[in-house]
Amino acid sequence: MKPPTRSVVVHYRQGRFRVAFRAEQTAENECNYIGLKKDGMRVLVVQIAGFIARRITCRCFVGRRLAQGERLGRIVFGSRVETYLPKRVGLRVKIGQKTKAGLTVLGKI
């Protein structure tokens, strides 16, 4: 059995509620930053609240262990998630591709 991923950073930032599908307009939006670490590799997940729903939830806290495919939180209509992976990860998705939480493999080491 693989060791679980550990949540190392969780930071909430209050902000505005601009449309989330335009990256240039979301720099000031409400968001959660979730930093994950496993086997020395770090991943950053950013939940960005959008104009319509204005709602994001986060189930993570510092030190929490997460299993593969486990939900980090929830975003609703009009919101967005950004995932930042290390360069050594071979991407399995394309920019702009729609993904499904818990089903879509983003990359492979």
PDB file of N, CA and C in Angstrom:
ATOM      1  N   MET A   1       0.837  -1.187   0.000  1.00  0.00           N
ATOM      2  CA  MET A   1       0.000   0.000   0.000  1.00  0.00           C
ATOM      3  C   MET A   1       0.877   1.244   0.000  1.00  0.00           C
ATOM      4  N   LYS A   2       0.546   2.200  -0.860  1.00  0.00           N
ATOM      5  CA  LYS A   2       1.305   3.439  -0.953  1.00  0.00           C
ATOM      6  C   LYS A   2       1.021   4.317   0.260  1.00  0.00           C
ATOM      7  N   PRO A   3       2.072   5.029   0.747  1.00  0.00           N
ATOM      8  CA  PRO A   3       1.817   5.956   1.855  1.00  0.00           C
ATOM      9  C   PRO A   3       0.940   7.105   1.388  1.00  0.00           C
ATOM     10  N   PRO A   4       0.085   7.619   2.266  1.00  0.00           N
ATOM     11  CA  PRO A   4      -0.808   8.711   1.862  1.00  0.00           C
ATOM     12  C   PRO A   4      -0.048  10.013   1.661  1.00  0.00           C
ATOM     13  N   THR A   5      -0.661  10.896   0.907  1.00  0.00           N
ATOM     14  CA  THR A   5      -0.144  12.245   0.707  1.00  0.00           C
ATOM     15  C   THR A   5      -0.477  13.048   1.954  1.00  0.00           C
ATOM     16  N   ARG A   6       0.408  13.948   2.317  1.00  0.00           N
ATOM     17  CA  ARG A   6       0.176  14.782   3.494  1.00  0.00           C
ATOM     18  C   ARG A   6      -0.051  16.228   3.072  1.00  0.00           C
ATOM     19  N   SER A   7      -1.044  16.840   3.701  1.00  0.00           N
ATOM     20  CA  SER A   7      -1.349  18.247   3.468  1.00  0.00           C
ATOM     21  C   SER A   7      -0.368  19.078   4.303  1.00  0.00           C
ATOM     22  N   VAL A   8       0.424  19.931   3.658  1.00  0.00           N
ATOM     23  CA  VAL A   8       1.444  20.678   4.380  1.00  0.00           C
ATOM     24  C   VAL A   8       1.145  22.176   4.501  1.00  0.00           C
ATOM     25  N   VAL A   9       0.314  22.695   3.620  1.00  0.00           N
ATOM     26  CA  VAL A   9      -0.058  24.110   3.665  1.00  0.00           C
ATOM     27  C   VAL A   9      -1.530  24.226   3.312  1.00  0.00           C
ATOM     28  N   VAL A  10      -2.261  24.971   4.111  1.00  0.00           N
ATOM     29  CA  VAL A  10      -3.636  25.312   3.774  1.00  0.00           C
ATOM     30  C   VAL A  10      -3.802  26.782   4.142  1.00  0.00           C
ATOM     31  N   HIS A  11      -4.142  27.588   3.134  1.00  0.00           N
ATOM     32  CA  HIS A  11      -4.274  29.025   3.368  1.00  0.00           C
ATOM     33  C   HIS A  11      -5.513  29.546   2.637  1.00  0.00           C
ATOM     34  N   TYR A  12      -6.377  30.211   3.376  1.00  0.00           N
ATOM     35  CA  TYR A  12      -7.577  30.831   2.802  1.00  0.00           C
ATOM     36  C   TYR A  12      -7.317  32.316   2.605  1.00  0.00           C
ATOM     37  N   ARG A  13      -7.723  32.838   1.454  1.00  0.00           N
ATOM     38  CA  ARG A  13      -7.589  34.271   1.198  1.00  0.00           C
ATOM     39  C   ARG A  13      -8.944  34.844   0.810  1.00  0.00           C
ATOM     40  N   GLN A  14      -9.399  35.826   1.582  1.00  0.00           N
ATOM     41  CA  GLN A  14     -10.635  36.524   1.235  1.00  0.00           C
ATOM     42  C   GLN A  14     -10.388  37.330  -0.030  1.00  0.00           C
ATOM     43  N   GLY A  15     -11.452  37.581  -0.749  1.00  0.00           N
ATOM     44  CA  GLY A  15     -11.264  38.370  -1.955  1.00  0.00           C
ATOM     45  C   GLY A  15     -12.566  38.666  -2.660  1.00  0.00           C
ATOM     46  N   ARG A  16     -12.434  39.078  -3.893  1.00  0.00           N
ATOM     47  CA  ARG A  16     -13.568  39.439  -4.718  1.00  0.00           C
ATOM     48  C   ARG A  16     -14.171  38.195  -5.363  1.00  0.00           C
ATOM     49  N   PHE A  17     -15.183  38.412  -6.175  1.00  0.00           N
ATOM     50  CA  PHE A  17     -15.851  37.310  -6.872  1.00  0.00           C
ATOM     51  C   PHE A  17     -16.024  37.682  -8.345  1.00  0.00           C
ATOM     52  N   ARG A  18     -14.931  37.690  -9.058  1.00  0.00           N
ATOM     53  CA  ARG A  18     -14.980  37.955 -10.501  1.00  0.00           C
ATOM     54  C   ARG A  18     -15.151  36.636 -11.227  1.00  0.00           C
ATOM     55  N   VAL A  19     -15.401  36.692 -12.516  1.00  0.00           N
ATOM     56  CA  VAL A  19     -15.593  35.453 -13.273  1.00  0.00           C
ATOM     57  C   VAL A  19     -14.330  34.601 -13.203  1.00  0.00           C
ATOM     58  N   ALA A  20     -14.494  33.312 -12.913  1.00  0.00           N
ATOM     59  CA  ALA A  20     -13.352  32.437 -12.675  1.00  0.00           C
ATOM     60  C   ALA A  20     -12.790  31.814 -13.941  1.00  0.00           C
ATOM     61  N   PHE A  21     -13.502  31.877 -15.049  1.00  0.00           N
ATOM     62  CA  PHE A  21     -12.981  31.245 -16.262  1.00  0.00           C
ATOM     63  C   PHE A  21     -11.949  32.107 -16.971  1.00  0.00           C
ATOM     64  N   ARG A  22     -11.758  33.338 -16.544  1.00  0.00           N
ATOM     65  CA  ARG A  22     -10.725  34.211 -17.107  1.00  0.00           C
ATOM     66  C   ARG A  22      -9.618  34.400 -16.075  1.00  0.00           C
ATOM     67  N   ALA A  23      -8.491  33.758 -16.322  1.00  0.00           N
ATOM     68  CA  ALA A  23      -7.385  33.766 -15.354  1.00  0.00           C
ATOM     69  C   ALA A  23      -6.950  35.178 -14.976  1.00  0.00           C
ATOM     70  N   GLU A  24      -6.941  36.099 -15.936  1.00  0.00           N
ATOM     71  CA  GLU A  24      -6.475  37.453 -15.661  1.00  0.00           C
ATOM     72  C   GLU A  24      -7.405  38.221 -14.721  1.00  0.00           C
ATOM     73  N   GLN A  25      -8.631  37.759 -14.546  1.00  0.00           N
ATOM     74  CA  GLN A  25      -9.576  38.457 -13.674  1.00  0.00           C
ATOM     75  C   GLN A  25      -9.687  37.843 -12.283  1.00  0.00           C
ATOM     76  N   THR A  26      -9.001  36.736 -12.027  1.00  0.00           N
ATOM     77  CA  THR A  26      -9.183  36.053 -10.753  1.00  0.00           C
ATOM     78  C   THR A  26      -8.068  36.292  -9.738  1.00  0.00           C
ATOM     79  N   ALA A  27      -7.106  37.131 -10.048  1.00  0.00           N
ATOM     80  CA  ALA A  27      -5.980  37.371  -9.147  1.00  0.00           C
ATOM     81  C   ALA A  27      -6.435  37.874  -7.772  1.00  0.00           C
ATOM     82  N   GLU A  28      -7.589  38.512  -7.711  1.00  0.00           N
ATOM     83  CA  GLU A  28      -8.076  39.065  -6.446  1.00  0.00           C
ATOM     84  C   GLU A  28      -9.254  38.280  -5.874  1.00  0.00           C
ATOM     85  N   ASN A  29      -9.628  37.166  -6.498  1.00  0.00           N
ATOM     86  CA  ASN A  29     -10.784  36.393  -6.030  1.00  0.00           C
ATOM     87  C   ASN A  29     -10.508  35.654  -4.722  1.00  0.00           C
ATOM     88  N   GLU A  30     -11.576  35.348  -4.011  1.00  0.00           N
ATOM     89  CA  GLU A  30     -11.493  34.498  -2.830  1.00  0.00           C
ATOM     90  C   GLU A  30     -10.925  33.146  -3.254  1.00  0.00           C
ATOM     91  N   CYS A  31      -9.996  32.588  -2.451  1.00  0.00           N
ATOM     92  CA  CYS A  31      -9.432  31.299  -2.831  1.00  0.00           C
ATOM     93  C   CYS A  31      -8.833  30.562  -1.630  1.00  0.00           C
ATOM     94  N   ASN A  32      -8.615  29.275  -1.840  1.00  0.00           N
ATOM     95  CA  ASN A  32      -7.903  28.411  -0.901  1.00  0.00           C
ATOM     96  C   ASN A  32      -6.666  27.897  -1.602  1.00  0.00           C
ATOM     97  N   TYR A  33      -5.530  27.942  -0.913  1.00  0.00           N
ATOM     98  CA  TYR A  33      -4.297  27.341  -1.400  1.00  0.00           C
ATOM     99  C   TYR A  33      -4.070  26.075  -0.589  1.00  0.00           C
ATOM    100  N   ILE A  34      -3.872  24.958  -1.269  1.00  0.00           N
ATOM    101  CA  ILE A  34      -3.648  23.680  -0.593  1.00  0.00           C
ATOM    102  C   ILE A  34      -2.331  23.105  -1.115  1.00  0.00           C
ATOM    103  N   GLY A  35      -1.334  23.032  -0.237  1.00  0.00           N
ATOM    104  CA  GLY A  35      -0.037  22.471  -0.607  1.00  0.00           C
ATOM    105  C   GLY A  35       0.040  21.032  -0.141  1.00  0.00           C
ATOM    106  N   LEU A  36       0.416  20.140  -1.057  1.00  0.00           N
ATOM    107  CA  LEU A  36       0.509  18.716  -0.755  1.00  0.00           C
ATOM    108  C   LEU A  36       1.942  18.251  -0.946  1.00  0.00           C
ATOM    109  N   LYS A  37       2.355  17.263  -0.143  1.00  0.00           N
ATOM    110  CA  LYS A  37       3.709  16.738  -0.259  1.00  0.00           C
ATOM    111  C   LYS A  37       3.682  15.225  -0.083  1.00  0.00           C
ATOM    112  N   LYS A  38       4.411  14.542  -0.978  1.00  0.00           N
ATOM    113  CA  LYS A  38       4.552  13.087  -0.878  1.00  0.00           C
ATOM    114  C   LYS A  38       5.878  12.707  -1.502  1.00  0.00           C
ATOM    115  N   ASP A  39       6.664  11.938  -0.790  1.00  0.00           N
ATOM    116  CA  ASP A  39       7.965  11.476  -1.282  1.00  0.00           C
ATOM    117  C   ASP A  39       8.823  12.628  -1.794  1.00  0.00           C
ATOM    118  N   GLY A  40       8.793  13.763  -1.117  1.00  0.00           N
ATOM    119  CA  GLY A  40       9.601  14.912  -1.492  1.00  0.00           C
ATOM    120  C   GLY A  40       9.033  15.743  -2.634  1.00  0.00           C
ATOM    121  N   MET A  41       7.960  15.289  -3.240  1.00  0.00           N
ATOM    122  CA  MET A  41       7.344  16.025  -4.347  1.00  0.00           C
ATOM    123  C   MET A  41       6.222  16.908  -3.803  1.00  0.00           C
ATOM    124  N   ARG A  42       6.177  18.146  -4.285  1.00  0.00           N
ATOM    125  CA  ARG A  42       5.161  19.094  -3.824  1.00  0.00           C
ATOM    126  C   ARG A  42       4.206  19.439  -4.958  1.00  0.00           C
ATOM    127  N   VAL A  43       2.943  19.584  -4.590  1.00  0.00           N
ATOM    128  CA  VAL A  43       1.885  19.955  -5.531  1.00  0.00           C
ATOM    129  C   VAL A  43       1.081  21.075  -4.878  1.00  0.00           C
ATOM    130  N   LEU A  44       0.677  22.045  -5.675  1.00  0.00           N
ATOM    131  CA  LEU A  44      -0.162  23.125  -5.165  1.00  0.00           C
ATOM    132  C   LEU A  44      -1.503  23.078  -5.877  1.00  0.00           C
ATOM    133  N   VAL A  45      -2.581  23.094  -5.093  1.00  0.00           N
ATOM    134  CA  VAL A  45      -3.940  23.136  -5.625  1.00  0.00           C
ATOM    135  C   VAL A  45      -4.566  24.440  -5.151  1.00  0.00           C
ATOM    136  N   VAL A  46      -5.144  25.192  -6.082  1.00  0.00           N
ATOM    137  CA  VAL A  46      -5.769  26.474  -5.738  1.00  0.00           C
ATOM    138  C   VAL A  46      -7.245  26.400  -6.123  1.00  0.00           C
ATOM    139  N   GLN A  47      -8.121  26.546  -5.140  1.00  0.00           N
ATOM    140  CA  GLN A  47      -9.568  26.608  -5.379  1.00  0.00           C
ATOM    141  C   GLN A  47      -9.930  28.087  -5.491  1.00  0.00           C
ATOM    142  N   ILE A  48     -10.552  28.478  -6.598  1.00  0.00           N
ATOM    143  CA  ILE A  48     -10.874  29.885  -6.831  1.00  0.00           C
ATOM    144  C   ILE A  48     -12.391  30.046  -6.946  1.00  0.00           C
ATOM    145  N   ALA A  49     -12.950  30.883  -6.084  1.00  0.00           N
ATOM    146  CA  ALA A  49     -14.393  31.135  -6.115  1.00  0.00           C
ATOM    147  C   ALA A  49     -14.736  31.988  -7.319  1.00  0.00           C
ATOM    148  N   GLY A  50     -15.897  31.739  -7.885  1.00  0.00           N
ATOM    149  CA  GLY A  50     -16.327  32.469  -9.070  1.00  0.00           C
ATOM    150  C   GLY A  50     -17.402  33.498  -8.794  1.00  0.00           C
ATOM    151  N   PHE A  51     -17.850  34.121  -9.852  1.00  0.00           N
ATOM    152  CA  PHE A  51     -18.803  35.214  -9.801  1.00  0.00           C
ATOM    153  C   PHE A  51     -20.207  34.764  -9.398  1.00  0.00           C
ATOM    154  N   ILE A  52     -20.652  33.622  -9.896  1.00  0.00           N
ATOM    155  CA  ILE A  52     -22.044  33.204  -9.701  1.00  0.00           C
ATOM    156  C   ILE A  52     -22.270  32.547  -8.341  1.00  0.00           C
ATOM    157  N   ALA A  53     -21.577  31.454  -8.078  1.00  0.00           N
ATOM    158  CA  ALA A  53     -21.845  30.691  -6.859  1.00  0.00           C
ATOM    159  C   ALA A  53     -21.174  31.287  -5.630  1.00  0.00           C
ATOM    160  N   ARG A  54     -19.968  31.846  -5.826  1.00  0.00           N
ATOM    161  CA  ARG A  54     -19.244  32.477  -4.715  1.00  0.00           C
ATOM    162  C   ARG A  54     -19.031  31.545  -3.532  1.00  0.00           C
ATOM    163  N   ARG A  55     -18.724  30.282  -3.841  1.00  0.00           N
ATOM    164  CA  ARG A  55     -18.622  29.331  -2.731  1.00  0.00           C
ATOM    165  C   ARG A  55     -17.567  28.276  -3.018  1.00  0.00           C
ATOM    166  N   ILE A  56     -16.621  28.128  -2.099  1.00  0.00           N
ATOM    167  CA  ILE A  56     -15.662  27.040  -2.135  1.00  0.00           C
ATOM    168  C   ILE A  56     -15.557  26.476  -0.719  1.00  0.00           C
ATOM    169  N   THR A  57     -15.339  25.183  -0.607  1.00  0.00           N
ATOM    170  CA  THR A  57     -15.127  24.569   0.701  1.00  0.00           C
ATOM    171  C   THR A  57     -13.844  23.761   0.638  1.00  0.00           C
ATOM    172  N   CYS A  58     -13.169  23.658   1.759  1.00  0.00           N
ATOM    173  CA  CYS A  58     -11.903  22.944   1.837  1.00  0.00           C
ATOM    174  C   CYS A  58     -11.969  21.963   3.008  1.00  0.00           C
ATOM    175  N   ARG A  59     -11.646  20.695   2.748  1.00  0.00           N
ATOM    176  CA  ARG A  59     -11.662  19.666   3.793  1.00  0.00           C
ATOM    177  C   ARG A  59     -10.266  19.419   4.362  1.00  0.00           C
ATOM    178  N   CYS A  60      -9.285  20.146   3.873  1.00  0.00           N
ATOM    179  CA  CYS A  60      -7.903  19.914   4.290  1.00  0.00           C
ATOM    180  C   CYS A  60      -7.509  20.799   5.465  1.00  0.00           C
ATOM    181  N   PHE A  61      -6.519  20.325   6.192  1.00  0.00           N
ATOM    182  CA  PHE A  61      -5.865  21.111   7.222  1.00  0.00           C
ATOM    183  C   PHE A  61      -4.433  20.614   7.292  1.00  0.00           C
ATOM    184  N   VAL A  62      -3.528  21.406   7.818  1.00  0.00           N
ATOM    185  CA  VAL A  62      -2.116  21.048   7.870  1.00  0.00           C
ATOM    186  C   VAL A  62      -1.947  19.733   8.638  1.00  0.00           C
ATOM    187  N   GLY A  63      -1.227  18.804   8.045  1.00  0.00           N
ATOM    188  CA  GLY A  63      -0.966  17.507   8.676  1.00  0.00           C
ATOM    189  C   GLY A  63      -1.940  16.409   8.297  1.00  0.00           C
ATOM    190  N   ARG A  64      -3.039  16.762   7.655  1.00  0.00           N
ATOM    191  CA  ARG A  64      -4.024  15.747   7.281  1.00  0.00           C
ATOM    192  C   ARG A  64      -3.442  14.810   6.223  1.00  0.00           C
ATOM    193  N   ARG A  65      -3.700  13.535   6.348  1.00  0.00           N
ATOM    194  CA  ARG A  65      -3.266  12.550   5.362  1.00  0.00           C
ATOM    195  C   ARG A  65      -4.405  12.303   4.385  1.00  0.00           C
ATOM    196  N   LEU A  66      -4.061  12.281   3.105  1.00  0.00           N
ATOM    197  CA  LEU A  66      -5.059  12.131   2.054  1.00  0.00           C
ATOM    198  C   LEU A  66      -4.760  10.894   1.222  1.00  0.00           C
ATOM    199  N   ALA A  67      -5.768  10.120   0.959  1.00  0.00           N
ATOM    200  CA  ALA A  67      -5.627   8.946   0.095  1.00  0.00           C
ATOM    201  C   ALA A  67      -5.772   9.369  -1.366  1.00  0.00           C
ATOM    202  N   GLN A  68      -5.209   8.567  -2.272  1.00  0.00           N
ATOM    203  CA  GLN A  68      -5.329   8.852  -3.701  1.00  0.00           C
ATOM    204  C   GLN A  68      -6.799   8.909  -4.090  1.00  0.00           C
ATOM    205  N   GLY A  69      -7.179   9.969  -4.808  1.00  0.00           N
ATOM    206  CA  GLY A  69      -8.555  10.131  -5.258  1.00  0.00           C
ATOM    207  C   GLY A  69      -9.486  10.748  -4.229  1.00  0.00           C
ATOM    208  N   GLU A  70      -9.002  10.988  -3.024  1.00  0.00           N
ATOM    209  CA  GLU A  70      -9.846  11.581  -1.981  1.00  0.00           C
ATOM    210  C   GLU A  70     -10.154  13.035  -2.302  1.00  0.00           C
ATOM    211  N   ARG A  71     -11.329  13.485  -1.935  1.00  0.00           N
ATOM    212  CA  ARG A  71     -11.738  14.865  -2.198  1.00  0.00           C
ATOM    213  C   ARG A  71     -11.037  15.825  -1.237  1.00  0.00           C
ATOM    214  N   LEU A  72     -10.545  16.924  -1.813  1.00  0.00           N
ATOM    215  CA  LEU A  72      -9.889  17.967  -1.027  1.00  0.00           C
ATOM    216  C   LEU A  72     -10.894  18.976  -0.508  1.00  0.00           C
ATOM    217  N   GLY A  73     -11.988  19.108  -1.216  1.00  0.00           N
ATOM    218  CA  GLY A  73     -12.991  20.098  -0.890  1.00  0.00           C
ATOM    219  C   GLY A  73     -14.015  20.125  -2.000  1.00  0.00           C
ATOM    220  N   ARG A  74     -14.653  21.273  -2.154  1.00  0.00           N
ATOM    221  CA  ARG A  74     -15.697  21.378  -3.167  1.00  0.00           C
ATOM    222  C   ARG A  74     -15.734  22.803  -3.708  1.00  0.00           C
ATOM    223  N   ILE A  75     -15.951  22.906  -4.995  1.00  0.00           N
ATOM    224  CA  ILE A  75     -16.233  24.192  -5.605  1.00  0.00           C
ATOM    225  C   ILE A  75     -17.551  24.028  -6.340  1.00  0.00           C
ATOM    226  N   VAL A  76     -18.245  25.106  -6.533  1.00  0.00           N
ATOM    227  CA  VAL A  76     -19.538  25.007  -7.199  1.00  0.00           C
ATOM    228  C   VAL A  76     -19.564  25.877  -8.439  1.00  0.00           C
ATOM    229  N   PHE A  77     -20.651  25.809  -9.139  1.00  0.00           N
ATOM    230  CA  PHE A  77     -20.849  26.457 -10.431  1.00  0.00           C
ATOM    231  C   PHE A  77     -20.146  27.805 -10.543  1.00  0.00           C
ATOM    232  N   GLY A  78     -19.350  27.948 -11.578  1.00  0.00           N
ATOM    233  CA  GLY A  78     -18.686  29.211 -11.833  1.00  0.00           C
ATOM    234  C   GLY A  78     -17.334  29.374 -11.161  1.00  0.00           C
ATOM    235  N   SER A  79     -16.890  28.368 -10.427  1.00  0.00           N
ATOM    236  CA  SER A  79     -15.601  28.439  -9.756  1.00  0.00           C
ATOM    237  C   SER A  79     -14.576  27.614 -10.532  1.00  0.00           C
ATOM    238  N   ARG A  80     -13.320  27.630 -10.077  1.00  0.00           N
ATOM    239  CA  ARG A  80     -12.253  26.964 -10.817  1.00  0.00           C
ATOM    240  C   ARG A  80     -11.201  26.401  -9.867  1.00  0.00           C
ATOM    241  N   VAL A  81     -10.506  25.350 -10.326  1.00  0.00           N
ATOM    242  CA  VAL A  81      -9.374  24.786  -9.590  1.00  0.00           C
ATOM    243  C   VAL A  81      -8.153  24.834 -10.496  1.00  0.00           C
ATOM    244  N   GLU A  82      -7.034  25.302  -9.945  1.00  0.00           N
ATOM    245  CA  GLU A  82      -5.757  25.273 -10.650  1.00  0.00           C
ATOM    246  C   GLU A  82      -4.859  24.290  -9.911  1.00  0.00           C
ATOM    247  N   THR A  83      -4.116  23.475 -10.656  1.00  0.00           N
ATOM    248  CA  THR A  83      -3.206  22.498 -10.067  1.00  0.00           C
ATOM    249  C   THR A  83      -1.820  22.732 -10.639  1.00  0.00           C
ATOM    250  N   TYR A  84      -0.848  22.919  -9.769  1.00  0.00           N
ATOM    251  CA  TYR A  84       0.532  23.158 -10.174  1.00  0.00           C
ATOM    252  C   TYR A  84       1.360  21.931  -9.812  1.00  0.00           C
ATOM    253  N   LEU A  85       1.944  21.303 -10.839  1.00  0.00           N
ATOM    254  CA  LEU A  85       2.706  20.067 -10.675  1.00  0.00           C
ATOM    255  C   LEU A  85       4.188  20.325 -10.937  1.00  0.00           C
ATOM    256  N   PRO A  86       5.088  19.524 -10.334  1.00  0.00           N
ATOM    257  CA  PRO A  86       6.518  19.668 -10.611  1.00  0.00           C
ATOM    258  C   PRO A  86       6.827  19.376 -12.085  1.00  0.00           C
ATOM    259  N   LYS A  87       7.930  19.916 -12.585  1.00  0.00           N
ATOM    260  CA  LYS A  87       8.323  19.731 -13.983  1.00  0.00           C
ATOM    261  C   LYS A  87       8.533  18.269 -14.344  1.00  0.00           C
ATOM    262  N   ARG A  88       8.952  17.452 -13.378  1.00  0.00           N
ATOM    263  CA  ARG A  88       9.260  16.048 -13.684  1.00  0.00           C
ATOM    264  C   ARG A  88       8.016  15.186 -13.904  1.00  0.00           C
ATOM    265  N   VAL A  89       6.852  15.738 -13.668  1.00  0.00           N
ATOM    266  CA  VAL A  89       5.610  14.986 -13.879  1.00  0.00           C
ATOM    267  C   VAL A  89       5.255  15.012 -15.364  1.00  0.00           C
ATOM    268  N   GLY A  90       5.035  13.830 -15.934  1.00  0.00           N
ATOM    269  CA  GLY A  90       4.603  13.740 -17.330  1.00  0.00           C
ATOM    270  C   GLY A  90       3.106  13.975 -17.412  1.00  0.00           C
ATOM    271  N   LEU A  91       2.711  15.060 -18.045  1.00  0.00           N
ATOM    272  CA  LEU A  91       1.298  15.413 -18.084  1.00  0.00           C
ATOM    273  C   LEU A  91       0.489  14.439 -18.937  1.00  0.00           C
ATOM    274  N   ARG A  92      -0.703  14.120 -18.470  1.00  0.00           N
ATOM    275  CA  ARG A  92      -1.632  13.255 -19.192  1.00  0.00           C
ATOM    276  C   ARG A  92      -2.856  14.029 -19.664  1.00  0.00           C
ATOM    277  N   VAL A  93      -2.883  15.338 -19.386  1.00  0.00           N
ATOM    278  CA  VAL A  93      -3.993  16.198 -19.797  1.00  0.00           C
ATOM    279  C   VAL A  93      -3.437  17.384 -20.575  1.00  0.00           C
ATOM    280  N   LYS A  94      -4.311  18.057 -21.299  1.00  0.00           N
ATOM    281  CA  LYS A  94      -3.922  19.235 -22.064  1.00  0.00           C
ATOM    282  C   LYS A  94      -4.506  20.484 -21.411  1.00  0.00           C
ATOM    283  N   ILE A  95      -3.896  21.612 -21.658  1.00  0.00           N
ATOM    284  CA  ILE A  95      -4.398  22.876 -21.119  1.00  0.00           C
ATOM    285  C   ILE A  95      -5.826  23.079 -21.613  1.00  0.00           C
ATOM    286  N   GLY A  96      -6.718  23.406 -20.676  1.00  0.00           N
ATOM    287  CA  GLY A  96      -8.112  23.655 -21.016  1.00  0.00           C
ATOM    288  C   GLY A  96      -8.988  22.420 -21.054  1.00  0.00           C
ATOM    289  N   GLN A  97      -8.393  21.236 -20.934  1.00  0.00           N
ATOM    290  CA  GLN A  97      -9.175  19.999 -20.960  1.00  0.00           C
ATOM    291  C   GLN A  97     -10.052  19.913 -19.713  1.00  0.00           C
ATOM    292  N   LYS A  98     -11.274  19.473 -19.884  1.00  0.00           N
ATOM    293  CA  LYS A  98     -12.163  19.273 -18.731  1.00  0.00           C
ATOM    294  C   LYS A  98     -11.749  17.981 -18.029  1.00  0.00           C
ATOM    295  N   THR A  99     -11.701  18.046 -16.717  1.00  0.00           N
ATOM    296  CA  THR A  99     -11.312  16.885 -15.924  1.00  0.00           C
ATOM    297  C   THR A  99     -12.408  16.559 -14.926  1.00  0.00           C
ATOM    298  N   LYS A 100     -12.384  15.357 -14.399  1.00  0.00           N
ATOM    299  CA  LYS A 100     -13.383  14.907 -13.427  1.00  0.00           C
ATOM    300  C   LYS A 100     -12.658  14.499 -12.149  1.00  0.00           C
ATOM    301  N   ALA A 101     -13.035  15.120 -11.034  1.00  0.00           N
ATOM    302  CA  ALA A 101     -12.392  14.845  -9.749  1.00  0.00           C
ATOM    303  C   ALA A 101     -12.447  13.350  -9.427  1.00  0.00           C
ATOM    304  N   GLY A 102     -11.283  12.816  -9.025  1.00  0.00           N
ATOM    305  CA  GLY A 102     -11.202  11.414  -8.635  1.00  0.00           C
ATOM    306  C   GLY A 102     -11.123  10.441  -9.790  1.00  0.00           C
ATOM    307  N   LEU A 103     -11.293  10.917 -11.029  1.00  0.00           N
ATOM    308  CA  LEU A 103     -11.272  10.028 -12.193  1.00  0.00           C
ATOM    309  C   LEU A 103     -10.162  10.361 -13.177  1.00  0.00           C
ATOM    310  N   THR A 104      -9.941  11.623 -13.445  1.00  0.00           N
ATOM    311  CA  THR A 104      -8.972  12.034 -14.451  1.00  0.00           C
ATOM    312  C   THR A 104      -7.557  12.022 -13.867  1.00  0.00           C
ATOM    313  N   VAL A 105      -6.651  11.305 -14.520  1.00  0.00           N
ATOM    314  CA  VAL A 105      -5.235  11.306 -14.120  1.00  0.00           C
ATOM    315  C   VAL A 105      -4.584  12.526 -14.764  1.00  0.00           C
ATOM    316  N   LEU A 106      -4.042  13.417 -13.940  1.00  0.00           N
ATOM    317  CA  LEU A 106      -3.434  14.640 -14.456  1.00  0.00           C
ATOM    318  C   LEU A 106      -2.023  14.393 -14.982  1.00  0.00           C
ATOM    319  N   GLY A 107      -1.271  13.525 -14.299  1.00  0.00           N
ATOM    320  CA  GLY A 107       0.110  13.282 -14.706  1.00  0.00           C
ATOM    321  C   GLY A 107       0.659  12.024 -14.083  1.00  0.00           C
ATOM    322  N   LYS A 108       1.846  11.640 -14.532  1.00  0.00           N
ATOM    323  CA  LYS A 108       2.498  10.430 -14.037  1.00  0.00           C
ATOM    324  C   LYS A 108       3.978  10.741 -13.820  1.00  0.00           C
ATOM    325  N   ILE A 109       4.513  10.238 -12.736  1.00  0.00           N
ATOM    326  CA  ILE A 109       5.943  10.435 -12.424  1.00  0.00           C
ATOM    327  C   ILE A 109       6.756   9.435 -13.203  1.00  0.00           C
TER     328      ILE A 109
END
